[in-house]
Amino acid sequence: MEDLNAILTPGMLVRHPAQPEWGVGQVQSNIGGKLTVNFRDIGKIVIDSSRVALHPVFDP
């Protein structure tokens, strides 16, 4: 599986496809396939990009 999360950079907005109730999150870091995303209502979550393909948000 190709890592589509590799294009995500700090500051980009994303959604978690399996957790829509988390809303929009902002990428804090993307290091070695581990993404740290700050979701407004949930807080910071570390996501393994080999397991979850986050969806970029261009119009929040």
Protein backbone atom coordinates (compact mmCIF):
# COMPACT_ATOMS: atom_id res chain seq x y z
CA MET A 1 0.00 0.00 0.00
CA GLU A 2 1.33 3.39 -0.99
CA ASP A 3 1.66 5.95 1.83
CA LEU A 4 -0.53 8.82 0.67
CA ASN A 5 0.02 10.51 4.04
CA ALA A 6 3.63 11.21 2.98
CA ILE A 7 2.43 14.43 1.29
CA LEU A 8 0.98 15.78 4.54
CA THR A 9 3.02 18.58 6.09
CA PRO A 10 2.68 20.56 9.32
CA GLY A 11 -0.17 23.03 9.15
CA MET A 12 -2.30 21.02 6.71
CA LEU A 13 -5.87 20.23 7.71
CA VAL A 14 -7.11 16.62 7.65
CA ARG A 15 -10.00 14.36 8.62
CA HIS A 16 -9.80 10.81 9.96
CA PRO A 17 -12.02 8.64 7.71
CA ALA A 18 -13.11 6.29 10.51
CA GLN A 19 -13.64 9.04 13.13
CA PRO A 20 -15.77 11.79 11.53
CA GLU A 21 -16.87 13.00 14.97
CA TRP A 22 -13.28 14.17 15.59
CA GLY A 23 -13.81 16.89 12.97
CA VAL A 24 -10.94 18.66 11.27
CA GLY A 25 -7.43 18.26 12.65
CA GLN A 26 -4.19 20.09 11.94
CA VAL A 27 -1.02 18.13 11.17
CA GLN A 28 1.68 18.94 13.74
CA SER A 29 4.40 16.61 12.42
CA ASN A 30 4.99 13.78 9.95
CA ILE A 31 8.09 11.77 10.88
CA GLY A 32 8.84 8.23 9.80
CA GLY A 33 5.25 7.39 8.94
CA LYS A 34 3.92 8.66 12.27
CA LEU A 35 1.63 11.68 12.05
CA THR A 36 0.82 13.84 15.04
CA VAL A 37 -2.51 15.57 14.45
CA ASN A 38 -4.20 18.05 16.76
CA PHE A 39 -7.99 17.66 16.64
CA ARG A 40 -9.93 20.54 18.20
CA ASP A 41 -12.24 18.44 20.36
CA ILE A 42 -10.02 15.40 20.97
CA GLY A 43 -6.51 16.81 21.30
CA LYS A 44 -3.26 15.44 19.88
CA ILE A 45 -3.35 11.97 18.35
CA VAL A 46 -0.43 10.01 16.85
CA ILE A 47 -1.50 8.08 13.75
CA ASP A 48 0.39 5.27 12.02
CA SER A 49 0.16 6.18 8.34
CA SER A 50 0.56 2.54 7.29
CA ARG A 51 -2.82 1.83 8.91
CA VAL A 52 -4.88 4.99 8.25
CA ALA A 53 -5.01 7.21 5.17
CA LEU A 54 -6.08 10.63 6.38
CA HIS A 55 -8.16 12.83 4.07
CA PRO A 56 -6.76 16.30 3.33
CA VAL A 57 -9.22 19.16 3.87
CA PHE A 58 -8.92 22.11 1.51
CA ASP A 59 -12.15 23.93 2.43
CA PRO A 60 -12.92 23.57 6.16
